[in-house]
N, C-alpha and C. Protein backbone atom coordinates (compact mmCIF):
# COMPACT_ATOMS: atom_id res chain seq x y z
N MET A 1 44.17 -8.50 -26.73
CA MET A 1 43.31 -9.35 -26.95
C MET A 1 42.59 -10.28 -25.93
N VAL A 2 43.25 -10.10 -24.45
CA VAL A 2 42.52 -10.86 -23.36
C VAL A 2 41.61 -9.97 -23.45
N LEU A 3 41.88 -8.49 -22.53
CA LEU A 3 40.95 -7.78 -22.67
C LEU A 3 39.73 -7.98 -23.56
N ARG A 4 39.95 -8.18 -24.48
CA ARG A 4 38.59 -7.94 -25.74
C ARG A 4 37.65 -8.71 -25.28
N ILE A 5 37.94 -9.98 -25.29
CA ILE A 5 37.65 -11.60 -24.68
C ILE A 5 36.73 -11.44 -23.40
N ARG A 6 37.55 -10.87 -22.06
CA ARG A 6 36.80 -10.65 -20.73
C ARG A 6 35.60 -9.88 -21.34
N SER A 7 35.62 -8.44 -21.89
CA SER A 7 34.75 -7.22 -22.23
C SER A 7 33.63 -8.09 -23.03
N LEU A 8 34.16 -9.19 -23.95
CA LEU A 8 33.16 -10.11 -24.99
C LEU A 8 32.55 -10.97 -23.47
N SER A 9 32.99 -11.62 -22.57
CA SER A 9 31.73 -12.40 -22.31
C SER A 9 31.06 -11.88 -20.75
N CYS A 10 31.76 -10.38 -20.60
CA CYS A 10 31.16 -9.44 -19.52
C CYS A 10 30.25 -8.90 -20.24
N LYS A 11 30.08 -8.68 -21.79
CA LYS A 11 28.74 -8.16 -22.44
C LYS A 11 28.19 -9.63 -22.75
N THR A 12 28.79 -10.83 -23.05
CA THR A 12 27.77 -11.75 -22.79
C THR A 12 27.18 -12.22 -21.01
N ARG A 13 27.57 -11.87 -20.38
CA ARG A 13 26.75 -12.50 -18.90
C ARG A 13 26.25 -11.39 -19.00
N TYR A 14 26.23 -10.46 -19.09
CA TYR A 14 25.46 -9.08 -19.05
C TYR A 14 23.98 -9.17 -19.74
N ILE A 15 24.70 -9.53 -21.26
CA ILE A 15 23.20 -10.10 -22.34
C ILE A 15 22.22 -11.52 -21.39
N MET A 16 23.10 -12.18 -20.95
CA MET A 16 22.25 -13.34 -20.63
C MET A 16 21.39 -12.85 -18.96
N GLU A 17 22.09 -12.53 -18.37
CA GLU A 17 21.37 -12.24 -16.77
C GLU A 17 20.25 -10.96 -17.58
N GLN A 18 19.84 -10.13 -17.99
CA GLN A 18 19.48 -9.66 -18.78
C GLN A 18 18.12 -10.32 -19.05
N SER A 19 18.38 -11.30 -20.00
CA SER A 19 17.42 -12.85 -20.39
C SER A 19 16.78 -13.23 -18.84
N GLN A 20 17.44 -13.29 -18.26
CA GLN A 20 16.68 -14.03 -16.88
C GLN A 20 15.89 -13.35 -16.03
N ILE A 21 16.46 -11.68 -16.15
CA ILE A 21 15.66 -10.80 -15.50
C ILE A 21 14.73 -10.76 -16.22
N MET A 22 14.30 -10.95 -17.12
CA MET A 22 12.89 -10.41 -18.12
C MET A 22 11.91 -11.33 -18.21
N LYS A 23 12.82 -12.82 -18.01
CA LYS A 23 12.02 -13.93 -17.86
C LYS A 23 11.60 -13.76 -16.62
N ILE A 24 12.29 -13.03 -14.84
CA ILE A 24 11.50 -13.92 -14.20
C ILE A 24 10.36 -12.20 -13.49
N LEU A 25 10.29 -11.17 -14.54
CA LEU A 25 9.65 -10.06 -14.64
C LEU A 25 8.59 -10.62 -15.69
N THR A 26 8.49 -10.98 -16.19
CA THR A 26 7.71 -11.63 -16.80
C THR A 26 6.10 -12.55 -16.82
N GLN A 27 7.49 -13.38 -15.19
CA GLN A 27 6.23 -14.19 -14.52
C GLN A 27 6.46 -14.19 -13.05
N SER A 28 6.67 -12.57 -12.57
CA SER A 28 5.87 -12.00 -12.00
C SER A 28 5.27 -11.09 -11.76
N ALA A 29 5.06 -10.66 -12.84
CA ALA A 29 3.66 -9.73 -13.57
C ALA A 29 2.60 -11.08 -13.97
N ALA A 30 2.92 -12.02 -14.79
CA ALA A 30 1.76 -12.92 -14.92
C ALA A 30 1.20 -13.66 -13.53
N LEU A 31 2.10 -13.25 -12.28
CA LEU A 31 1.90 -14.31 -10.75
C LEU A 31 0.73 -12.98 -10.65
N MET A 32 1.15 -11.96 -10.49
CA MET A 32 0.27 -10.73 -10.08
C MET A 32 -1.10 -10.76 -10.30
N LEU A 33 -1.30 -10.45 -11.55
CA LEU A 33 -2.28 -11.07 -12.46
C LEU A 33 -2.87 -12.54 -12.49
N LEU A 34 -2.38 -13.06 -12.44
CA LEU A 34 -2.84 -14.64 -11.38
C LEU A 34 -4.20 -13.96 -10.07
N VAL A 35 -3.19 -13.19 -9.25
CA VAL A 35 -3.79 -13.30 -7.53
C VAL A 35 -4.36 -11.69 -8.01
N PHE A 36 -4.22 -11.31 -8.81
CA PHE A 36 -5.25 -10.12 -8.98
C PHE A 36 -7.07 -10.67 -9.86
N THR A 37 -6.41 -11.42 -10.75
CA THR A 37 -7.96 -11.94 -11.46
C THR A 37 -8.21 -13.23 -10.60
N GLY A 38 -7.73 -13.74 -9.36
CA GLY A 38 -8.33 -15.03 -8.63
C GLY A 38 -9.03 -14.41 -7.83
N SER A 39 -9.31 -13.67 -7.28
CA SER A 39 -10.45 -12.46 -6.27
C SER A 39 -11.52 -12.02 -6.58
N ILE A 40 -11.22 -12.12 -8.24
CA ILE A 40 -12.25 -11.38 -9.02
C ILE A 40 -13.38 -12.81 -9.43
N SER A 41 -13.95 -13.49 -8.64
CA SER A 41 -15.22 -14.79 -9.19
C SER A 41 -16.33 -14.30 -8.19
N ILE A 42 -17.10 -15.49 -9.35
CA ILE A 42 -17.79 -15.55 -8.70
C ILE A 42 -18.83 -16.06 -7.32
N ALA A 43 -18.66 -15.59 -6.34
CA ALA A 43 -18.57 -16.07 -4.88
C ALA A 43 -19.51 -17.57 -4.71
N ASP A 44 -20.17 -17.76 -5.74
CA ASP A 44 -21.68 -18.95 -5.53
C ASP A 44 -20.52 -19.86 -5.82
N ASN A 45 -19.68 -20.01 -7.01
CA ASN A 45 -18.04 -20.96 -7.37
C ASN A 45 -17.29 -20.79 -7.09
N ASP A 46 -17.62 -20.27 -5.91
CA ASP A 46 -15.68 -20.29 -5.07
C ASP A 46 -15.74 -20.95 -4.00
N ALA A 47 -14.32 -21.60 -4.71
CA ALA A 47 -14.95 -23.25 -3.18
C ALA A 47 -13.23 -22.49 -2.52
N ARG A 48 -13.20 -20.91 -2.70
CA ARG A 48 -12.02 -20.30 -1.05
C ARG A 48 -12.23 -20.57 0.09
N GLN A 49 -12.12 -20.62 0.76
CA GLN A 49 -12.87 -20.16 2.55
C GLN A 49 -13.27 -18.95 2.06
N LEU A 50 -14.25 -19.04 2.48
CA LEU A 50 -14.91 -17.47 3.07
C LEU A 50 -14.46 -16.69 4.29
N VAL A 51 -13.73 -16.12 4.73
CA VAL A 51 -14.02 -15.43 6.32
C VAL A 51 -14.44 -14.32 6.55
N GLN A 52 -15.41 -14.60 7.18
CA GLN A 52 -16.45 -13.06 7.47
C GLN A 52 -15.13 -12.41 8.40
N LEU A 53 -15.04 -11.22 7.74
CA LEU A 53 -15.45 -10.09 8.39
C LEU A 53 -15.89 -8.66 8.86
N PRO A 54 -16.24 -7.81 9.78
CA PRO A 54 -16.76 -7.12 9.88
C PRO A 54 -16.32 -6.47 8.72
N GLU A 55 -17.97 -5.16 8.63
CA GLU A 55 -17.10 -4.51 6.88
C GLU A 55 -15.64 -4.10 6.83
N MET A 56 -16.00 -2.95 8.43
CA MET A 56 -14.83 -1.97 8.44
C MET A 56 -13.40 -2.85 8.22
N MET A 57 -13.47 -3.74 8.63
CA MET A 57 -12.42 -4.49 8.56
C MET A 57 -11.87 -5.42 7.27
N GLN A 58 -13.55 -5.30 6.40
CA GLN A 58 -12.60 -5.71 4.64
C GLN A 58 -12.88 -4.78 4.00
N GLN A 59 -13.09 -3.24 4.16
CA GLN A 59 -12.43 -2.18 4.03
C GLN A 59 -10.88 -2.06 4.03
N HIS A 60 -10.93 -2.25 5.14
CA HIS A 60 -8.69 -1.99 5.76
C HIS A 60 -7.84 -3.34 5.22
N MET A 61 -8.79 -3.98 5.21
CA MET A 61 -8.25 -5.39 4.53
C MET A 61 -7.29 -5.08 2.78
N MET A 62 -8.98 -5.40 2.53
CA MET A 62 -8.64 -4.65 0.85
C MET A 62 -7.64 -3.84 0.86
N SER A 63 -8.11 -2.39 1.44
CA SER A 63 -7.01 -1.35 1.33
C SER A 63 -5.22 -1.66 1.72
N ASN A 64 -5.09 -2.58 2.13
CA ASN A 64 -3.82 -3.02 2.54
C ASN A 64 -3.13 -4.09 1.31
N MET A 65 -4.34 -4.75 1.29
CA MET A 65 -3.86 -5.62 -0.34
C MET A 65 -3.62 -4.62 -1.97
N ARG A 66 -4.55 -3.63 -1.32
CA ARG A 66 -4.44 -2.80 -2.49
C ARG A 66 -3.09 -2.25 -2.43
N ASP A 67 -2.65 -1.57 -1.40
CA ASP A 67 -1.08 -0.70 -0.97
C ASP A 67 0.14 -2.36 -1.44
N HIS A 68 0.04 -3.26 -1.50
CA HIS A 68 0.28 -4.19 -1.41
C HIS A 68 0.96 -4.82 -3.12
N LEU A 69 -0.22 -4.73 -3.50
CA LEU A 69 0.48 -4.18 -5.07
C LEU A 69 0.76 -3.41 -5.54
N VAL A 70 0.62 -2.30 -5.10
CA VAL A 70 1.42 -1.35 -5.74
C VAL A 70 2.55 -1.12 -5.14
N THR A 71 2.79 -1.51 -3.75
CA THR A 71 4.23 -1.50 -3.27
C THR A 71 5.22 -2.88 -4.37
N ILE A 72 4.67 -3.82 -4.50
CA ILE A 72 5.56 -4.78 -5.77
C ILE A 72 5.56 -3.72 -7.03
N ASN A 73 4.31 -3.10 -7.34
CA ASN A 73 4.73 -2.41 -8.78
C ASN A 73 6.26 -1.97 -8.69
N GLU A 74 6.18 -0.92 -7.09
CA GLU A 74 7.47 0.19 -7.09
C GLU A 74 8.48 -0.73 -6.73
N ILE A 75 8.62 -1.95 -6.52
CA ILE A 75 9.94 -2.85 -6.31
C ILE A 75 10.38 -3.04 -7.34
N LEU A 76 9.65 -3.22 -7.91
CA LEU A 76 9.94 -3.87 -9.53
C LEU A 76 10.69 -3.00 -10.06
N VAL A 77 9.63 -2.09 -10.05
CA VAL A 77 10.16 -0.74 -11.33
C VAL A 77 11.69 -0.47 -10.39
N ASN A 78 11.54 -0.13 -9.40
CA ASN A 78 12.95 0.39 -8.52
C ASN A 78 14.35 -0.98 -9.13
N LEU A 79 13.93 -2.47 -9.13
CA LEU A 79 14.54 -3.30 -9.37
C LEU A 79 15.12 -3.11 -10.98
N GLY A 80 14.11 -2.61 -11.31
CA GLY A 80 14.82 -2.66 -13.10
C GLY A 80 15.27 -1.40 -13.58
N ASN A 81 15.33 -0.74 -12.18
CA ASN A 81 16.45 0.77 -12.62
C ASN A 81 17.38 0.68 -12.14
N GLY A 82 17.92 -1.07 -11.48
CA GLY A 82 18.73 -0.63 -10.84
C GLY A 82 19.40 -0.15 -9.73
N GLU A 83 18.06 -0.09 -8.71
CA GLU A 83 17.72 1.40 -7.67
C GLU A 83 17.26 -0.07 -6.74
N MET A 84 18.35 -1.00 -6.15
CA MET A 84 18.27 -1.70 -5.02
C MET A 84 18.64 -0.93 -3.60
N ASP A 85 19.13 -0.70 -3.41
CA ASP A 85 18.64 -0.02 -1.85
C ASP A 85 17.51 0.75 -2.12
N GLU A 86 16.61 1.34 -2.90
CA GLU A 86 15.45 1.86 -2.76
C GLU A 86 14.23 0.79 -2.73
N ALA A 87 14.45 -0.18 -3.66
CA ALA A 87 13.83 -1.33 -3.91
C ALA A 87 13.61 -2.35 -2.10
N ALA A 88 14.52 -2.35 -1.20
CA ALA A 88 14.75 -2.73 -0.02
C ALA A 88 14.45 -1.94 0.68
N GLN A 89 14.36 -0.64 0.45
CA GLN A 89 13.16 0.63 2.14
C GLN A 89 12.04 -0.07 1.88
N ILE A 90 11.39 0.24 0.18
CA ILE A 90 10.39 0.16 0.14
C ILE A 90 9.64 -1.63 0.58
N ALA A 91 10.44 -2.31 0.77
CA ALA A 91 9.84 -3.81 0.90
C ALA A 91 10.03 -3.81 2.32
N GLU A 92 10.53 -3.26 2.97
CA GLU A 92 10.98 -3.10 4.62
C GLU A 92 10.00 -2.52 5.03
N GLN A 93 9.89 -1.35 4.37
CA GLN A 93 8.60 -0.54 4.63
C GLN A 93 7.40 -0.92 4.70
N ARG A 94 6.70 -1.25 3.62
CA ARG A 94 5.60 -1.22 3.08
C ARG A 94 5.27 -2.58 3.44
N LEU A 95 6.33 -3.40 3.50
CA LEU A 95 5.58 -5.34 3.38
C LEU A 95 6.68 -5.92 4.02
N GLY A 96 6.95 -5.54 4.50
CA GLY A 96 8.74 -6.82 5.67
C GLY A 96 7.92 -6.82 7.14
N MET A 97 8.54 -6.90 8.01
CA MET A 97 7.76 -7.22 9.37
C MET A 97 8.30 -5.49 9.84
N SER A 98 9.00 -5.10 9.30
CA SER A 98 8.12 -3.54 9.99
C SER A 98 7.11 -2.48 9.60
N SER A 99 6.20 -4.28 8.86
CA SER A 99 5.31 -2.73 8.37
C SER A 99 4.24 -3.62 9.17
N LEU A 100 4.49 -4.50 10.11
CA LEU A 100 3.30 -4.48 10.26
C LEU A 100 2.56 -3.99 11.53
N GLU A 101 2.42 -3.27 12.18
CA GLU A 101 1.94 -2.10 12.95
C GLU A 101 1.58 -1.34 12.26
N SER A 102 1.64 -0.59 11.20
CA SER A 102 1.31 0.25 10.49
C SER A 102 0.45 -0.67 9.22
N HIS A 103 0.10 -1.48 9.43
CA HIS A 103 -1.16 -2.23 8.62
C HIS A 103 -2.64 -3.09 9.49
N GLY A 104 -1.79 -2.58 10.96
CA GLY A 104 -3.05 -3.24 11.63
C GLY A 104 -2.61 -5.28 12.00
N ALA A 105 -1.24 -5.68 12.02
CA ALA A 105 -2.28 -6.88 11.81
C ALA A 105 -2.06 -7.91 13.26
N SER A 106 -1.86 -6.97 14.04
CA SER A 106 -2.53 -8.15 15.40
C SER A 106 -3.68 -8.07 15.25
N HIS A 107 -4.32 -6.33 14.94
CA HIS A 107 -5.90 -6.71 14.92
C HIS A 107 -6.23 -6.81 13.92
N MET A 108 -5.96 -7.78 13.33
CA MET A 108 -6.80 -8.50 12.17
C MET A 108 -6.55 -10.37 12.18
N ALA A 109 -5.04 -9.74 13.19
CA ALA A 109 -5.24 -12.13 12.97
C ALA A 109 -5.34 -12.56 13.39
N LYS A 110 -7.01 -11.50 14.72
CA LYS A 110 -7.16 -12.90 15.33
C LYS A 110 -8.60 -13.36 14.60
N PHE A 111 -9.22 -12.68 13.34
CA PHE A 111 -9.93 -12.47 12.48
C PHE A 111 -9.95 -13.43 11.79
N MET A 112 -8.72 -13.95 11.40
CA MET A 112 -8.36 -14.75 10.34
C MET A 112 -7.77 -16.47 10.54
N PRO A 113 -8.58 -17.45 9.84
CA PRO A 113 -7.90 -18.47 10.00
C PRO A 113 -6.16 -19.10 9.83
N GLU A 114 -6.37 -19.39 10.69
CA GLU A 114 -4.72 -19.84 10.99
C GLU A 114 -3.64 -19.89 9.65
N GLY A 115 -4.53 -20.64 8.47
CA GLY A 115 -3.58 -21.18 7.31
C GLY A 115 -3.45 -18.91 6.73
N MET A 116 -4.57 -18.60 7.30
CA MET A 116 -4.75 -17.52 6.51
C MET A 116 -3.61 -16.43 7.75
N ARG A 117 -3.16 -16.32 8.39
CA ARG A 117 -2.22 -15.57 9.45
C ARG A 117 -1.11 -16.04 8.97
N HIS A 118 -0.94 -17.18 9.00
CA HIS A 118 0.58 -17.70 8.08
C HIS A 118 1.00 -17.53 7.14
N ALA A 119 -0.12 -17.51 6.32
CA ALA A 119 0.57 -16.89 4.89
C ALA A 119 0.44 -15.27 4.82
N GLY A 120 0.18 -14.89 5.51
CA GLY A 120 0.23 -13.30 5.63
C GLY A 120 1.35 -13.00 6.57
N THR A 121 2.03 -13.88 7.25
CA THR A 121 3.69 -13.72 8.21
C THR A 121 4.16 -14.38 6.65
N SER A 122 3.81 -15.14 6.30
CA SER A 122 5.37 -15.69 5.46
C SER A 122 5.63 -14.49 5.03
N MET A 123 4.69 -14.63 3.61
CA MET A 123 4.40 -12.76 3.02
C MET A 123 5.65 -11.78 3.10
N HIS A 124 5.36 -11.71 4.84
CA HIS A 124 5.42 -10.13 5.93
C HIS A 124 7.33 -10.86 5.81
N ARG A 125 7.61 -11.91 6.50
CA ARG A 125 8.84 -12.07 6.05
C ARG A 125 9.96 -12.62 4.89
N ALA A 126 9.06 -13.22 3.93
CA ALA A 126 10.12 -12.94 2.66
C ALA A 126 10.02 -12.03 2.26
N ALA A 127 9.56 -10.78 2.16
CA ALA A 127 9.36 -9.47 2.32
C ALA A 127 11.29 -8.44 2.54
N SER A 128 10.74 -9.06 4.33
CA SER A 128 12.50 -9.16 4.35
C SER A 128 13.40 -9.43 3.77
N ARG A 129 13.53 -11.07 4.11
CA ARG A 129 14.57 -11.35 2.88
C ARG A 129 14.78 -10.79 2.06
N PHE A 130 13.93 -10.83 1.34
CA PHE A 130 14.28 -9.67 -0.34
C PHE A 130 14.74 -8.21 -0.29
N ALA A 131 14.30 -7.69 0.98
CA ALA A 131 15.10 -6.91 1.49
C ALA A 131 16.39 -6.68 1.62
N LEU A 132 16.93 -7.69 2.78
CA LEU A 132 18.04 -7.84 2.81
C LEU A 132 19.09 -8.12 1.37
N LYS A 133 17.99 -9.34 0.63
CA LYS A 133 19.16 -9.97 -0.80
C LYS A 133 19.36 -8.48 -0.99
N ALA A 134 18.06 -7.62 -1.76
CA ALA A 134 18.48 -6.19 -2.53
C ALA A 134 19.89 -5.50 -2.50
N GLN A 135 19.58 -5.35 -0.69
CA GLN A 135 20.81 -4.66 0.03
C GLN A 135 21.65 -5.15 -0.69
N GLU A 136 22.23 -6.54 -0.61
CA GLU A 136 23.33 -7.07 -1.52
C GLU A 136 23.71 -6.88 -2.97
N GLY A 137 23.32 -6.32 -3.70
CA GLY A 137 23.19 -5.94 -5.10
C GLY A 137 23.01 -6.33 -5.84
N GLU A 138 22.76 -8.00 -5.65
CA GLU A 138 23.28 -8.77 -6.63
C GLU A 138 21.60 -8.82 -7.44
N LEU A 139 21.00 -8.11 -8.49
CA LEU A 139 20.05 -8.29 -9.00
C LEU A 139 19.21 -9.64 -8.72
N LEU A 140 19.60 -10.12 -9.64
CA LEU A 140 18.63 -12.23 -10.03
C LEU A 140 18.47 -13.00 -8.70
N PRO A 141 19.69 -12.58 -7.72
CA PRO A 141 19.15 -13.22 -6.56
C PRO A 141 18.23 -12.48 -5.87
N ALA A 142 17.66 -11.17 -5.41
CA ALA A 142 16.94 -10.75 -5.08
C ALA A 142 15.18 -10.58 -5.91
N TYR A 143 15.25 -10.56 -7.44
CA TYR A 143 14.16 -10.81 -8.14
C TYR A 143 13.74 -12.22 -7.54
N THR A 144 14.79 -13.58 -7.59
CA THR A 144 14.15 -14.63 -6.94
C THR A 144 13.85 -14.33 -5.64
N MET A 145 13.78 -13.79 -4.52
CA MET A 145 13.82 -13.90 -3.46
C MET A 145 12.55 -12.85 -3.61
N LEU A 146 12.31 -11.86 -4.34
CA LEU A 146 10.72 -11.40 -4.56
C LEU A 146 9.50 -12.67 -5.22
N SER A 147 9.98 -13.61 -5.51
CA SER A 147 9.34 -15.08 -6.26
C SER A 147 8.48 -15.43 -4.89
N GLU A 148 9.56 -15.37 -3.69
CA GLU A 148 9.04 -15.88 -1.86
C GLU A 148 7.74 -15.14 -1.93
N VAL A 149 7.68 -13.36 -2.21
CA VAL A 149 6.79 -12.57 -1.64
C VAL A 149 5.51 -13.05 -1.62
N THR A 150 5.54 -13.28 -3.52
CA THR A 150 4.30 -13.01 -4.78
C THR A 150 3.65 -14.71 -4.73
N SER A 151 4.72 -15.80 -4.44
CA SER A 151 3.90 -16.70 -3.64
C SER A 151 3.22 -16.82 -2.51
N ALA A 152 3.69 -16.39 -1.82
CA ALA A 152 2.43 -16.41 -0.36
C ALA A 152 1.42 -15.50 -0.74
N CYS A 153 1.60 -14.16 -1.86
CA CYS A 153 0.24 -13.34 -1.78
C CYS A 153 -0.69 -14.34 -2.65
N VAL A 154 0.55 -15.78 -3.40
CA VAL A 154 -0.80 -16.67 -3.88
C VAL A 154 -1.28 -17.37 -3.86
N THR A 155 -0.60 -17.93 -2.35
CA THR A 155 -1.42 -19.15 -1.24
C THR A 155 -2.17 -18.82 -1.01
N CYS A 156 -2.40 -17.62 -0.36
CA CYS A 156 -3.54 -17.16 0.30
C CYS A 156 -5.17 -16.72 -0.59
N HIS A 157 -4.61 -16.26 -1.74
CA HIS A 157 -5.70 -15.59 -2.28
C HIS A 157 -6.37 -16.28 -3.15
N SER A 158 -5.79 -17.67 -3.44
CA SER A 158 -6.11 -18.99 -3.74
C SER A 158 -7.05 -19.80 -2.50
N SER A 159 -6.72 -19.72 -2.07
CA SER A 159 -7.10 -19.81 -0.48
C SER A 159 -8.53 -19.47 0.47
N TYR A 160 -8.06 -18.21 0.19
CA TYR A 160 -9.23 -17.30 1.35
C TYR A 160 -9.79 -16.15 0.39
N ARG A 161 -11.11 -15.55 0.76
CA ARG A 161 -11.99 -14.54 0.44
C ARG A 161 -12.30 -14.70 1.22
N ILE A 162 -12.88 -12.74 1.34
CA ILE A 162 -13.61 -12.14 2.15
C ILE A 162 -14.58 -11.79 1.72
N ARG A 163 -15.55 -11.65 1.02
CA ARG A 163 -16.76 -11.26 0.14
C ARG A 163 -16.95 -12.76 -0.86
């Protein structure tokens, strides 16, 4: 009888955890939609600070941002499939501090205002912290840590524009 109660308790905990995960996924999706649609605005009415970059650097930055979105999606898919180590590896390699060289961060940073640099660095640091948390194997804390990554994205995208 005790075994059955433990089993029920475990099932109840699982259902509650799944409910929390779905809530976090929904919030993450809404946040990413906000980030994406927030950058599609009419420049004349856009209160965000315009950061003027040479055309080639604009293209490079936009390519990086699109890759960041793809990466966050891949992370979410892996988390949803319970593949925590894969999510951690993707996060660190493509968003974390280990990815700075491949993104040309040092070259781009000198064209960015301090607040934009800070938001970018915060995102990369948060991605590395997420990767470490995901490796621990606890799903809910990993999702919570991932929200720090997307919050840095929102901060930057709501404050700055390049066009």
